[in-house]
Amino acid sequence: MTQAEQTLLALVCQLHTPDVHWGISRLDEDAVLSASEAASVARAVPARRQEFAAGRLAARRALAGLRPDDRPTDLPAGPDRLPLWPAGLTGSISHAAGLAVAAVARSPVRLGIDLEADKPLDPDLVPEICLPSEYGTPAVRVFSAKEAVFKAEYPHTRVMHGLHGIEVDLAEGCARYTDHPEVAAIPPESRRPLCVAQAVGGGLILSVSRSKA
């Protein structure tokens, strides 16, 4: 295991909960895709195909922890590019810094993860990411948290929106929908308090949003 993998594994351990199973991989591993998975990225550039393959390898490793007696599962992408998880399961995949990570759980759970390199973002991007209440937190951490929340919620809301549609408070481990027009289509019953946790170390940021569906 490389130093980068050990770092990521340590972050996963910080965010571990008994109901969520994780898998990690490197982008340079020899990851073999099934025919249906390969078809999902047939027109993609080589770098995207490599990310996709590493993500599927990480997902299969996560699924093996959840269902150790099952054979490897095909995970093609659906029309909206989300992985088509096996019935009764949900999950999320992310890539950064030459690594891929996946998390899976049994439904009904809303689950989203995001992996980022812990590097300062262009200052010009900060106003596009952060709300005034979030300016005390590095923008890359805010971005990662919001990405995890969006990935957990989108399969249920099916509303595409920008980063000002969610406000995060990492000190409290929570997030909420704002009154921004870009989230106006999300019904009131879906605007409940959201959970987000984050681990930082070794040049990486790992965020997870997990809540009951």
N, C-alpha and C. Protein backbone atom coordinates (compact mmCIF):
# COMPACT_ATOMS: atom_id res chain seq x y z
N MET A 1 0.85 -1.19 0.00
CA MET A 1 0.00 0.00 0.00
C MET A 1 0.88 1.24 0.00
N THR A 2 0.58 2.18 -0.90
CA THR A 2 1.38 3.40 -0.99
C THR A 2 1.07 4.33 0.18
N GLN A 3 1.94 5.34 0.35
CA GLN A 3 1.71 6.33 1.40
C GLN A 3 0.39 7.05 1.19
N ALA A 4 0.08 7.37 -0.07
CA ALA A 4 -1.18 8.06 -0.36
C ALA A 4 -2.38 7.20 0.03
N GLU A 5 -2.31 5.90 -0.26
CA GLU A 5 -3.40 5.01 0.13
C GLU A 5 -3.53 4.92 1.65
N GLN A 6 -2.41 4.87 2.33
CA GLN A 6 -2.44 4.83 3.80
C GLN A 6 -3.08 6.10 4.36
N THR A 7 -2.76 7.24 3.75
CA THR A 7 -3.35 8.50 4.19
C THR A 7 -4.86 8.48 4.00
N LEU A 8 -5.31 8.04 2.83
CA LEU A 8 -6.74 7.98 2.56
C LEU A 8 -7.43 7.00 3.49
N LEU A 9 -6.81 5.86 3.73
CA LEU A 9 -7.39 4.87 4.64
C LEU A 9 -7.55 5.45 6.05
N ALA A 10 -6.58 6.25 6.48
CA ALA A 10 -6.68 6.88 7.80
C ALA A 10 -7.86 7.84 7.86
N LEU A 11 -8.11 8.57 6.78
CA LEU A 11 -9.26 9.47 6.74
C LEU A 11 -10.56 8.69 6.76
N VAL A 12 -10.60 7.59 6.01
CA VAL A 12 -11.79 6.73 6.01
C VAL A 12 -12.08 6.24 7.43
N CYS A 13 -11.04 5.83 8.14
CA CYS A 13 -11.23 5.32 9.50
C CYS A 13 -11.81 6.40 10.42
N GLN A 14 -11.42 7.65 10.20
CA GLN A 14 -11.96 8.74 11.02
C GLN A 14 -13.46 8.93 10.79
N LEU A 15 -13.93 8.61 9.59
CA LEU A 15 -15.33 8.83 9.23
C LEU A 15 -16.16 7.56 9.28
N HIS A 16 -15.57 6.48 9.75
CA HIS A 16 -16.25 5.18 9.72
C HIS A 16 -17.50 5.16 10.58
N THR A 17 -18.56 4.57 10.02
CA THR A 17 -19.76 4.21 10.77
C THR A 17 -20.09 2.76 10.41
N PRO A 18 -20.71 2.00 11.30
CA PRO A 18 -20.88 0.57 11.06
C PRO A 18 -21.68 0.21 9.82
N ASP A 19 -22.57 1.10 9.38
CA ASP A 19 -23.45 0.76 8.26
C ASP A 19 -22.88 1.12 6.90
N VAL A 20 -21.75 1.81 6.86
CA VAL A 20 -21.15 2.23 5.59
C VAL A 20 -19.86 1.47 5.36
N HIS A 21 -19.73 0.88 4.17
CA HIS A 21 -18.52 0.14 3.80
C HIS A 21 -17.76 0.92 2.73
N TRP A 22 -16.45 0.92 2.85
CA TRP A 22 -15.59 1.74 2.00
C TRP A 22 -14.65 0.87 1.18
N GLY A 23 -14.23 1.42 0.06
CA GLY A 23 -13.17 0.81 -0.74
C GLY A 23 -12.32 1.90 -1.35
N ILE A 24 -11.03 1.64 -1.51
CA ILE A 24 -10.13 2.61 -2.13
C ILE A 24 -9.33 1.92 -3.23
N SER A 25 -8.83 2.73 -4.16
CA SER A 25 -7.98 2.20 -5.23
C SER A 25 -7.10 3.34 -5.73
N ARG A 26 -6.11 2.97 -6.53
CA ARG A 26 -5.26 3.96 -7.19
C ARG A 26 -5.65 4.05 -8.66
N LEU A 27 -5.50 5.22 -9.23
CA LEU A 27 -5.84 5.37 -10.64
C LEU A 27 -4.92 4.57 -11.54
N ASP A 28 -3.71 4.24 -11.07
CA ASP A 28 -2.77 3.49 -11.91
C ASP A 28 -2.90 1.98 -11.73
N GLU A 29 -3.89 1.52 -10.96
CA GLU A 29 -4.10 0.07 -10.85
C GLU A 29 -4.72 -0.47 -12.13
N ASP A 30 -4.53 -1.77 -12.34
CA ASP A 30 -5.08 -2.43 -13.52
C ASP A 30 -6.53 -2.82 -13.23
N ALA A 31 -7.44 -1.90 -13.45
CA ALA A 31 -8.86 -2.12 -13.17
C ALA A 31 -9.57 -2.54 -14.46
N VAL A 32 -10.20 -3.69 -14.43
CA VAL A 32 -10.89 -4.23 -15.61
C VAL A 32 -12.37 -3.88 -15.52
N LEU A 33 -12.91 -3.33 -16.60
CA LEU A 33 -14.33 -3.00 -16.66
C LEU A 33 -15.12 -4.11 -17.33
N SER A 34 -16.36 -4.27 -16.90
CA SER A 34 -17.27 -5.17 -17.60
C SER A 34 -17.70 -4.50 -18.91
N ALA A 35 -18.36 -5.26 -19.77
CA ALA A 35 -18.81 -4.71 -21.06
C ALA A 35 -19.76 -3.54 -20.86
N SER A 36 -20.69 -3.67 -19.91
CA SER A 36 -21.66 -2.59 -19.69
C SER A 36 -20.98 -1.36 -19.10
N GLU A 37 -20.00 -1.56 -18.25
CA GLU A 37 -19.27 -0.42 -17.68
C GLU A 37 -18.45 0.28 -18.76
N ALA A 38 -17.76 -0.51 -19.58
CA ALA A 38 -16.94 0.07 -20.65
C ALA A 38 -17.79 0.88 -21.61
N ALA A 39 -19.02 0.42 -21.86
CA ALA A 39 -19.92 1.15 -22.75
C ALA A 39 -20.28 2.52 -22.18
N SER A 40 -20.28 2.64 -20.87
CA SER A 40 -20.63 3.91 -20.22
C SER A 40 -19.60 5.00 -20.49
N VAL A 41 -18.36 4.61 -20.78
CA VAL A 41 -17.30 5.60 -21.01
C VAL A 41 -16.64 5.40 -22.37
N ALA A 42 -17.38 4.80 -23.29
CA ALA A 42 -16.81 4.49 -24.61
C ALA A 42 -16.33 5.75 -25.33
N ARG A 43 -16.98 6.87 -25.12
CA ARG A 43 -16.62 8.11 -25.82
C ARG A 43 -15.81 9.06 -24.95
N ALA A 44 -15.46 8.63 -23.77
CA ALA A 44 -14.73 9.51 -22.84
C ALA A 44 -13.25 9.57 -23.20
N VAL A 45 -12.58 10.63 -22.75
CA VAL A 45 -11.14 10.76 -22.95
C VAL A 45 -10.44 9.75 -22.05
N PRO A 46 -9.19 9.38 -22.37
CA PRO A 46 -8.49 8.36 -21.57
C PRO A 46 -8.44 8.66 -20.07
N ALA A 47 -8.22 9.92 -19.70
CA ALA A 47 -8.14 10.25 -18.27
C ALA A 47 -9.46 9.96 -17.56
N ARG A 48 -10.57 10.27 -18.23
CA ARG A 48 -11.88 9.99 -17.63
C ARG A 48 -12.12 8.49 -17.53
N ARG A 49 -11.70 7.73 -18.54
CA ARG A 49 -11.87 6.27 -18.48
C ARG A 49 -11.05 5.68 -17.33
N GLN A 50 -9.86 6.23 -17.10
CA GLN A 50 -9.03 5.75 -16.00
C GLN A 50 -9.69 6.04 -14.65
N GLU A 51 -10.23 7.25 -14.48
CA GLU A 51 -10.94 7.58 -13.25
C GLU A 51 -12.15 6.67 -13.05
N PHE A 52 -12.89 6.45 -14.11
CA PHE A 52 -14.08 5.61 -14.04
C PHE A 52 -13.71 4.20 -13.60
N ALA A 53 -12.67 3.64 -14.22
CA ALA A 53 -12.27 2.27 -13.89
C ALA A 53 -11.79 2.17 -12.44
N ALA A 54 -11.01 3.15 -12.00
CA ALA A 54 -10.53 3.12 -10.61
C ALA A 54 -11.69 3.26 -9.64
N GLY A 55 -12.66 4.09 -9.98
CA GLY A 55 -13.83 4.25 -9.12
C GLY A 55 -14.64 2.98 -9.02
N ARG A 56 -14.79 2.28 -10.14
CA ARG A 56 -15.53 1.00 -10.11
C ARG A 56 -14.77 -0.05 -9.31
N LEU A 57 -13.45 -0.04 -9.40
CA LEU A 57 -12.67 -0.98 -8.60
C LEU A 57 -12.85 -0.68 -7.11
N ALA A 58 -12.80 0.58 -6.73
CA ALA A 58 -13.03 0.95 -5.33
C ALA A 58 -14.43 0.56 -4.89
N ALA A 59 -15.41 0.75 -5.77
CA ALA A 59 -16.79 0.39 -5.43
C ALA A 59 -16.94 -1.11 -5.24
N ARG A 60 -16.30 -1.90 -6.08
CA ARG A 60 -16.39 -3.36 -5.92
C ARG A 60 -15.75 -3.80 -4.60
N ARG A 61 -14.68 -3.13 -4.22
CA ARG A 61 -14.05 -3.46 -2.94
C ARG A 61 -14.98 -3.08 -1.78
N ALA A 62 -15.67 -1.97 -1.90
CA ALA A 62 -16.62 -1.59 -0.87
C ALA A 62 -17.78 -2.58 -0.81
N LEU A 63 -18.29 -2.98 -1.96
CA LEU A 63 -19.40 -3.94 -2.01
C LEU A 63 -18.99 -5.29 -1.45
N ALA A 64 -17.73 -5.67 -1.65
CA ALA A 64 -17.25 -6.95 -1.11
C ALA A 64 -17.28 -6.95 0.41
N GLY A 65 -17.08 -5.79 1.02
CA GLY A 65 -17.18 -5.71 2.47
C GLY A 65 -18.61 -5.80 2.95
N LEU A 66 -19.53 -5.31 2.13
CA LEU A 66 -20.94 -5.33 2.51
C LEU A 66 -21.58 -6.68 2.21
N ARG A 67 -21.17 -7.28 1.09
CA ARG A 67 -21.76 -8.56 0.67
C ARG A 67 -20.62 -9.50 0.26
N PRO A 68 -19.87 -10.03 1.22
CA PRO A 68 -18.65 -10.80 0.91
C PRO A 68 -18.89 -12.07 0.11
N ASP A 69 -20.09 -12.60 0.13
CA ASP A 69 -20.35 -13.86 -0.58
C ASP A 69 -20.83 -13.66 -2.01
N ASP A 70 -21.05 -12.42 -2.41
CA ASP A 70 -21.55 -12.15 -3.76
C ASP A 70 -20.41 -12.05 -4.76
N ARG A 71 -20.71 -12.35 -5.99
CA ARG A 71 -19.71 -12.17 -7.05
C ARG A 71 -19.60 -10.69 -7.39
N PRO A 72 -18.51 -10.26 -8.05
CA PRO A 72 -18.36 -8.85 -8.41
C PRO A 72 -19.56 -8.34 -9.20
N THR A 73 -19.94 -7.11 -8.94
CA THR A 73 -21.14 -6.52 -9.51
C THR A 73 -20.79 -5.54 -10.61
N ASP A 74 -21.55 -5.60 -11.72
CA ASP A 74 -21.43 -4.58 -12.76
C ASP A 74 -22.03 -3.28 -12.25
N LEU A 75 -21.36 -2.18 -12.53
CA LEU A 75 -21.84 -0.87 -12.09
C LEU A 75 -21.79 0.12 -13.26
N PRO A 76 -22.61 -0.08 -14.28
CA PRO A 76 -22.64 0.90 -15.37
C PRO A 76 -23.23 2.22 -14.89
N ALA A 77 -23.05 3.25 -15.69
CA ALA A 77 -23.63 4.56 -15.36
C ALA A 77 -25.00 4.67 -15.99
N GLY A 78 -25.91 5.32 -15.28
CA GLY A 78 -27.24 5.58 -15.82
C GLY A 78 -27.24 6.80 -16.72
N PRO A 79 -28.41 7.19 -17.21
CA PRO A 79 -28.50 8.34 -18.12
C PRO A 79 -27.96 9.64 -17.52
N ASP A 80 -28.04 9.77 -16.19
CA ASP A 80 -27.53 10.98 -15.54
C ASP A 80 -26.11 10.80 -15.02
N ARG A 81 -25.44 9.72 -15.46
CA ARG A 81 -24.04 9.41 -15.13
C ARG A 81 -23.86 8.89 -13.72
N LEU A 82 -24.94 8.71 -12.97
CA LEU A 82 -24.81 8.13 -11.64
C LEU A 82 -24.63 6.62 -11.75
N PRO A 83 -23.85 6.01 -10.86
CA PRO A 83 -23.71 4.55 -10.88
C PRO A 83 -25.06 3.88 -10.63
N LEU A 84 -25.30 2.78 -11.34
CA LEU A 84 -26.51 1.99 -11.12
C LEU A 84 -26.19 0.93 -10.08
N TRP A 85 -26.47 1.24 -8.83
CA TRP A 85 -26.15 0.33 -7.73
C TRP A 85 -27.12 -0.85 -7.70
N PRO A 86 -26.68 -1.98 -7.14
CA PRO A 86 -27.59 -3.13 -7.02
C PRO A 86 -28.83 -2.77 -6.20
N ALA A 87 -29.91 -3.48 -6.45
CA ALA A 87 -31.16 -3.22 -5.74
C ALA A 87 -30.94 -3.30 -4.23
N GLY A 88 -31.51 -2.34 -3.53
CA GLY A 88 -31.41 -2.32 -2.08
C GLY A 88 -30.16 -1.68 -1.54
N LEU A 89 -29.29 -1.18 -2.42
CA LEU A 89 -28.04 -0.56 -1.99
C LEU A 89 -27.92 0.84 -2.57
N THR A 90 -27.12 1.65 -1.93
CA THR A 90 -26.80 2.97 -2.45
C THR A 90 -25.32 3.22 -2.22
N GLY A 91 -24.76 4.19 -2.93
CA GLY A 91 -23.34 4.45 -2.77
C GLY A 91 -22.91 5.73 -3.43
N SER A 92 -21.62 6.00 -3.35
CA SER A 92 -21.05 7.21 -3.92
C SER A 92 -19.58 6.95 -4.21
N ILE A 93 -19.06 7.60 -5.24
CA ILE A 93 -17.68 7.42 -5.69
C ILE A 93 -17.05 8.80 -5.89
N SER A 94 -15.76 8.92 -5.57
CA SER A 94 -15.05 10.17 -5.82
C SER A 94 -13.60 9.87 -6.16
N HIS A 95 -12.95 10.82 -6.83
CA HIS A 95 -11.54 10.66 -7.23
C HIS A 95 -10.81 11.97 -7.01
N ALA A 96 -9.54 11.86 -6.65
CA ALA A 96 -8.65 13.02 -6.55
C ALA A 96 -7.25 12.53 -6.25
N ALA A 97 -6.26 13.30 -6.66
CA ALA A 97 -4.86 13.06 -6.28
C ALA A 97 -4.40 11.65 -6.60
N GLY A 98 -4.84 11.11 -7.73
CA GLY A 98 -4.41 9.78 -8.14
C GLY A 98 -5.09 8.65 -7.41
N LEU A 99 -6.14 8.94 -6.66
CA LEU A 99 -6.84 7.93 -5.86
C LEU A 99 -8.33 7.95 -6.18
N ALA A 100 -8.98 6.84 -5.90
CA ALA A 100 -10.44 6.75 -5.96
C ALA A 100 -10.93 6.16 -4.66
N VAL A 101 -12.11 6.57 -4.25
CA VAL A 101 -12.71 6.07 -3.02
C VAL A 101 -14.20 5.88 -3.26
N ALA A 102 -14.77 4.85 -2.66
CA ALA A 102 -16.19 4.57 -2.79
C ALA A 102 -16.75 4.21 -1.42
N ALA A 103 -18.01 4.53 -1.21
CA ALA A 103 -18.72 4.15 0.01
C ALA A 103 -20.07 3.58 -0.39
N VAL A 104 -20.49 2.50 0.26
CA VAL A 104 -21.78 1.87 -0.04
C VAL A 104 -22.50 1.55 1.27
N ALA A 105 -23.81 1.51 1.19
CA ALA A 105 -24.64 1.18 2.36
C ALA A 105 -25.95 0.60 1.86
N ARG A 106 -26.65 -0.03 2.75
CA ARG A 106 -27.97 -0.55 2.42
C ARG A 106 -28.99 0.59 2.48
N SER A 107 -29.93 0.57 1.53
CA SER A 107 -31.02 1.54 1.56
C SER A 107 -31.93 1.22 2.75
N PRO A 108 -32.69 2.19 3.28
CA PRO A 108 -32.79 3.57 2.81
C PRO A 108 -31.80 4.50 3.53
N VAL A 109 -30.77 4.90 2.82
CA VAL A 109 -29.78 5.85 3.32
C VAL A 109 -29.45 6.80 2.19
N ARG A 110 -29.26 8.05 2.52
CA ARG A 110 -28.74 9.02 1.54
C ARG A 110 -27.25 9.15 1.82
N LEU A 111 -26.44 8.88 0.82
CA LEU A 111 -25.00 8.79 1.02
C LEU A 111 -24.26 9.48 -0.11
N GLY A 112 -23.38 10.39 0.24
CA GLY A 112 -22.54 11.06 -0.75
C GLY A 112 -21.16 11.31 -0.18
N ILE A 113 -20.13 11.15 -1.01
CA ILE A 113 -18.76 11.40 -0.56
C ILE A 113 -18.04 12.29 -1.56
N ASP A 114 -17.00 12.95 -1.10
CA ASP A 114 -16.15 13.75 -1.98
C ASP A 114 -14.72 13.72 -1.48
N LEU A 115 -13.79 13.54 -2.40
CA LEU A 115 -12.36 13.54 -2.11
C LEU A 115 -11.71 14.68 -2.87
N GLU A 116 -10.92 15.48 -2.18
CA GLU A 116 -10.22 16.60 -2.79
C GLU A 116 -8.78 16.65 -2.30
N ALA A 117 -7.90 17.19 -3.15
CA ALA A 117 -6.56 17.55 -2.69
C ALA A 117 -6.67 18.79 -1.83
N ASP A 118 -5.97 18.80 -0.71
CA ASP A 118 -6.06 19.92 0.23
C ASP A 118 -5.11 21.03 -0.23
N LYS A 119 -5.58 21.79 -1.22
CA LYS A 119 -4.79 22.88 -1.78
C LYS A 119 -5.67 24.13 -1.85
N PRO A 120 -5.09 25.30 -1.63
CA PRO A 120 -5.90 26.53 -1.72
C PRO A 120 -6.47 26.70 -3.13
N LEU A 121 -7.70 27.18 -3.20
CA LEU A 121 -8.34 27.44 -4.47
C LEU A 121 -8.04 28.86 -4.93
N ASP A 122 -8.23 29.10 -6.22
CA ASP A 122 -8.09 30.44 -6.77
C ASP A 122 -9.01 31.39 -5.99
N PRO A 123 -8.48 32.49 -5.47
CA PRO A 123 -9.33 33.42 -4.71
C PRO A 123 -10.55 33.90 -5.47
N ASP A 124 -10.45 33.96 -6.80
CA ASP A 124 -11.59 34.41 -7.59
C ASP A 124 -12.76 33.43 -7.52
N LEU A 125 -12.48 32.17 -7.14
CA LEU A 125 -13.54 31.16 -7.06
C LEU A 125 -14.28 31.19 -5.72
N VAL A 126 -13.66 31.80 -4.73
CA VAL A 126 -14.23 31.74 -3.37
C VAL A 126 -15.65 32.29 -3.32
N PRO A 127 -15.97 33.45 -3.93
CA PRO A 127 -17.35 33.94 -3.86
C PRO A 127 -18.36 33.02 -4.55
N GLU A 128 -17.91 32.20 -5.49
CA GLU A 128 -18.81 31.27 -6.16
C GLU A 128 -19.09 30.04 -5.31
N ILE A 129 -18.24 29.80 -4.32
CA ILE A 129 -18.35 28.60 -3.48
C ILE A 129 -18.96 28.92 -2.13
N CYS A 130 -18.46 29.96 -1.50
CA CYS A 130 -18.77 30.23 -0.09
C CYS A 130 -19.86 31.29 0.07
N LEU A 131 -20.75 31.04 1.02
CA LEU A 131 -21.66 32.05 1.52
C LEU A 131 -20.95 32.87 2.60
N PRO A 132 -21.45 34.05 2.93
CA PRO A 132 -20.76 34.87 3.94
C PRO A 132 -20.47 34.13 5.24
N SER A 133 -21.36 33.27 5.66
CA SER A 133 -21.16 32.53 6.92
C SER A 133 -20.05 31.50 6.83
N GLU A 134 -19.58 31.20 5.62
CA GLU A 134 -18.60 30.14 5.42
C GLU A 134 -17.19 30.66 5.18
N TYR A 135 -17.01 31.98 5.19
CA TYR A 135 -15.72 32.55 4.82
C TYR A 135 -14.62 32.24 5.83
N GLY A 136 -14.94 31.80 7.02
CA GLY A 136 -13.91 31.45 7.98
C GLY A 136 -13.32 30.08 7.78
N THR A 137 -13.84 29.32 6.83
CA THR A 137 -13.37 27.97 6.54
C THR A 137 -12.71 27.97 5.17
N PRO A 138 -11.56 27.29 4.99
CA PRO A 138 -10.94 27.24 3.66
C PRO A 138 -11.95 26.82 2.59
N ALA A 139 -11.94 27.52 1.48
CA ALA A 139 -12.95 27.30 0.44
C ALA A 139 -12.92 25.87 -0.09
N VAL A 140 -11.74 25.25 -0.15
CA VAL A 140 -11.68 23.89 -0.67
C VAL A 140 -12.41 22.93 0.26
N ARG A 141 -12.38 23.19 1.55
CA ARG A 141 -13.11 22.35 2.50
C ARG A 141 -14.62 22.57 2.37
N VAL A 142 -15.02 23.81 2.19
CA VAL A 142 -16.44 24.10 1.98
C VAL A 142 -16.92 23.43 0.70
N PHE A 143 -16.12 23.55 -0.37
CA PHE A 143 -16.49 22.93 -1.64
C PHE A 143 -16.67 21.43 -1.48
N SER A 144 -15.73 20.77 -0.83
CA SER A 144 -15.81 19.32 -0.66
C SER A 144 -17.05 18.92 0.12
N ALA A 145 -17.35 19.64 1.19
CA ALA A 145 -18.53 19.33 1.99
C ALA A 145 -19.81 19.49 1.17
N LYS A 146 -19.89 20.56 0.40
CA LYS A 146 -21.09 20.78 -0.41
C LYS A 146 -21.23 19.74 -1.51
N GLU A 147 -20.11 19.32 -2.08
CA GLU A 147 -20.16 18.25 -3.09
C GLU A 147 -20.71 16.96 -2.49
N ALA A 148 -20.26 16.61 -1.29
CA ALA A 148 -20.74 15.39 -0.64
C ALA A 148 -22.24 15.47 -0.37
N VAL A 149 -22.70 16.62 0.12
CA VAL A 149 -24.13 16.79 0.39
C VAL A 149 -24.93 16.70 -0.90
N PHE A 150 -24.47 17.38 -1.94
CA PHE A 150 -25.19 17.33 -3.21
C PHE A 150 -25.28 15.89 -3.73
N LYS A 151 -24.19 15.15 -3.65
CA LYS A 151 -24.18 13.78 -4.17
C LYS A 151 -25.10 12.86 -3.35
N ALA A 152 -25.27 13.17 -2.08
CA ALA A 152 -26.19 12.38 -1.26
C ALA A 152 -27.64 12.71 -1.58
N GLU A 153 -27.92 13.98 -1.85
CA GLU A 153 -29.30 14.43 -2.00
C GLU A 153 -29.83 14.36 -3.42
N TYR A 154 -28.98 14.55 -4.42
CA TYR A 154 -29.47 14.63 -5.80
C TYR A 154 -30.24 13.40 -6.26
N PRO A 155 -29.82 12.17 -5.94
CA PRO A 155 -30.61 11.02 -6.40
C PRO A 155 -32.06 11.04 -5.90
N HIS A 156 -32.33 11.82 -4.86
CA HIS A 156 -33.68 11.89 -4.30
C HIS A 156 -34.43 13.15 -4.75
N THR A 157 -33.72 14.28 -4.85
CA THR A 157 -34.39 15.52 -5.26
C THR A 157 -34.44 15.68 -6.77
N ARG A 158 -33.41 15.16 -7.46
CA ARG A 158 -33.26 15.32 -8.92
C ARG A 158 -33.26 16.79 -9.32
N VAL A 159 -32.75 17.64 -8.46
CA VAL A 159 -32.65 19.07 -8.75
C VAL A 159 -31.17 19.44 -8.84
N MET A 160 -30.74 19.86 -10.03
CA MET A 160 -29.38 20.35 -10.21
C MET A 160 -29.30 21.79 -9.68
N HIS A 161 -28.28 22.07 -8.90
CA HIS A 161 -28.15 23.43 -8.38
C HIS A 161 -26.69 23.72 -8.08
N GLY A 162 -26.41 25.00 -7.88
CA GLY A 162 -25.05 25.43 -7.61
C GLY A 162 -24.71 25.39 -6.13
N LEU A 163 -23.54 25.91 -5.81
CA LEU A 163 -23.00 25.78 -4.46
C LEU A 163 -23.64 26.73 -3.45
N HIS A 164 -24.32 27.77 -3.92
CA HIS A 164 -25.00 28.66 -2.99
C HIS A 164 -26.36 28.12 -2.55
N GLY A 165 -26.75 26.98 -3.08
CA GLY A 165 -28.00 26.36 -2.66
C GLY A 165 -27.89 25.62 -1.34
N ILE A 166 -26.65 25.41 -0.87
CA ILE A 166 -26.41 24.69 0.38
C ILE A 166 -25.48 25.52 1.25
N GLU A 167 -25.78 25.57 2.53
CA GLU A 167 -24.90 26.21 3.51
C GLU A 167 -24.40 25.13 4.47
N VAL A 168 -23.09 25.09 4.69
CA VAL A 168 -22.52 24.05 5.56
C VAL A 168 -21.88 24.69 6.79
N ASP A 169 -21.93 23.93 7.88
CA ASP A 169 -21.26 24.31 9.12
C ASP A 169 -20.46 23.09 9.57
N LEU A 170 -19.19 23.06 9.22
CA LEU A 170 -18.37 21.89 9.50
C LEU A 170 -18.11 21.73 10.99
N ALA A 171 -18.10 22.81 11.74
CA ALA A 171 -17.90 22.71 13.18
C ALA A 171 -19.05 21.95 13.84
N GLU A 172 -20.25 22.13 13.30
CA GLU A 172 -21.43 21.46 13.84
C GLU A 172 -21.76 20.17 13.09
N GLY A 173 -21.09 19.93 11.96
CA GLY A 173 -21.35 18.73 11.18
C GLY A 173 -22.71 18.71 10.51
N CYS A 174 -23.15 19.89 10.07
CA CYS A 174 -24.49 19.96 9.49
C CYS A 174 -24.50 20.84 8.25
N ALA A 175 -25.58 20.74 7.50
CA ALA A 175 -25.79 21.55 6.31
C ALA A 175 -27.28 21.79 6.18
N ARG A 176 -27.62 22.80 5.38
CA ARG A 176 -29.04 23.08 5.14
C ARG A 176 -29.20 23.70 3.76
N TYR A 177 -30.40 23.56 3.21
CA TYR A 177 -30.72 24.26 1.99
C TYR A 177 -30.98 25.73 2.30
N THR A 178 -30.54 26.60 1.40
CA THR A 178 -30.76 28.03 1.56
C THR A 178 -32.04 28.44 0.83
N ASP A 179 -32.29 29.74 0.81
CA ASP A 179 -33.44 30.27 0.07
C ASP A 179 -33.05 30.72 -1.33
N HIS A 180 -31.89 30.30 -1.79
CA HIS A 180 -31.44 30.71 -3.13
C HIS A 180 -32.40 30.17 -4.18
N PRO A 181 -32.68 30.96 -5.23
CA PRO A 181 -33.61 30.51 -6.27
C PRO A 181 -33.22 29.19 -6.94
N GLU A 182 -31.93 28.85 -6.95
CA GLU A 182 -31.51 27.63 -7.64
C GLU A 182 -32.00 26.36 -6.95
N VAL A 183 -32.45 26.46 -5.69
CA VAL A 183 -33.00 25.28 -5.01
C VAL A 183 -34.50 25.43 -4.76
N ALA A 184 -35.13 26.38 -5.45
CA ALA A 184 -36.56 26.62 -5.25
C ALA A 184 -37.41 25.41 -5.60
N ALA A 185 -36.92 24.56 -6.51
CA ALA A 185 -37.70 23.40 -6.94
C ALA A 185 -37.67 22.25 -5.93
N ILE A 186 -36.84 22.34 -4.92
CA ILE A 186 -36.79 21.28 -3.90
C ILE A 186 -37.95 21.49 -2.93
N PRO A 187 -38.83 20.52 -2.78
CA PRO A 187 -40.03 20.70 -1.96
C PRO A 187 -39.70 20.86 -0.48
N PRO A 188 -40.59 21.49 0.27
CA PRO A 188 -40.33 21.74 1.70
C PRO A 188 -40.01 20.48 2.49
N GLU A 189 -40.66 19.35 2.16
CA GLU A 189 -40.42 18.13 2.93
C GLU A 189 -39.01 17.59 2.75
N SER A 190 -38.32 18.02 1.69
CA SER A 190 -36.94 17.60 1.47
C SER A 190 -35.93 18.57 2.07
N ARG A 191 -36.39 19.68 2.61
CA ARG A 191 -35.48 20.70 3.15
C ARG A 191 -35.22 20.49 4.63
N ARG A 192 -34.90 19.28 4.97
CA ARG A 192 -34.60 18.96 6.37
C ARG A 192 -33.13 19.23 6.66
N PRO A 193 -32.74 19.32 7.93
CA PRO A 193 -31.31 19.45 8.24
C PRO A 193 -30.52 18.26 7.68
N LEU A 194 -29.35 18.54 7.17
CA LEU A 194 -28.51 17.52 6.54
C LEU A 194 -27.24 17.34 7.35
N CYS A 195 -26.65 16.17 7.25
CA CYS A 195 -25.43 15.86 7.99
C CYS A 195 -24.23 15.85 7.05
N VAL A 196 -23.11 16.36 7.52
CA VAL A 196 -21.87 16.27 6.75
C VAL A 196 -20.70 16.20 7.73
N ALA A 197 -19.79 15.28 7.46
CA ALA A 197 -18.58 15.12 8.27
C ALA A 197 -17.37 15.19 7.35
N GLN A 198 -16.24 15.57 7.91
CA GLN A 198 -15.05 15.76 7.08
C GLN A 198 -13.80 15.38 7.87
N ALA A 199 -12.87 14.73 7.16
CA ALA A 199 -11.56 14.41 7.72
C ALA A 199 -10.50 15.01 6.82
N VAL A 200 -9.47 15.57 7.42
CA VAL A 200 -8.41 16.27 6.67
C VAL A 200 -7.06 15.79 7.17
N GLY A 201 -6.15 15.49 6.24
CA GLY A 201 -4.80 15.10 6.64
C GLY A 201 -3.98 14.62 5.47
N GLY A 202 -2.68 14.79 5.56
CA GLY A 202 -1.79 14.27 4.53
C GLY A 202 -2.03 14.82 3.15
N GLY A 203 -2.55 16.04 3.07
CA GLY A 203 -2.80 16.66 1.77
C GLY A 203 -4.11 16.27 1.13
N LEU A 204 -5.00 15.60 1.88
CA LEU A 204 -6.29 15.17 1.34
C LEU A 204 -7.43 15.66 2.22
N ILE A 205 -8.59 15.83 1.60
CA ILE A 205 -9.83 16.14 2.29
C ILE A 205 -10.86 15.09 1.87
N LEU A 206 -11.49 14.45 2.84
CA LEU A 206 -12.54 13.48 2.57
C LEU A 206 -13.80 13.91 3.31
N SER A 207 -14.88 14.08 2.56
CA SER A 207 -16.16 14.50 3.14
C SER A 207 -17.20 13.43 2.90
N VAL A 208 -18.13 13.28 3.85
CA VAL A 208 -19.22 12.32 3.70
C VAL A 208 -20.50 12.94 4.25
N SER A 209 -21.57 12.78 3.49
CA SER A 209 -22.90 13.17 3.94
C SER A 209 -23.74 11.90 4.00
N ARG A 210 -24.28 11.62 5.16
CA ARG A 210 -25.06 10.40 5.36
C ARG A 210 -26.26 10.71 6.24
N SER A 211 -27.44 10.33 5.76
CA SER A 211 -28.65 10.52 6.55
C SER A 211 -29.69 9.50 6.11
N LYS A 212 -30.71 9.33 6.91
CA LYS A 212 -31.80 8.41 6.57
C LYS A 212 -32.59 8.98 5.40
N ALA A 213 -32.98 8.13 4.48
CA ALA A 213 -33.74 8.58 3.31
C ALA A 213 -35.17 8.89 3.72
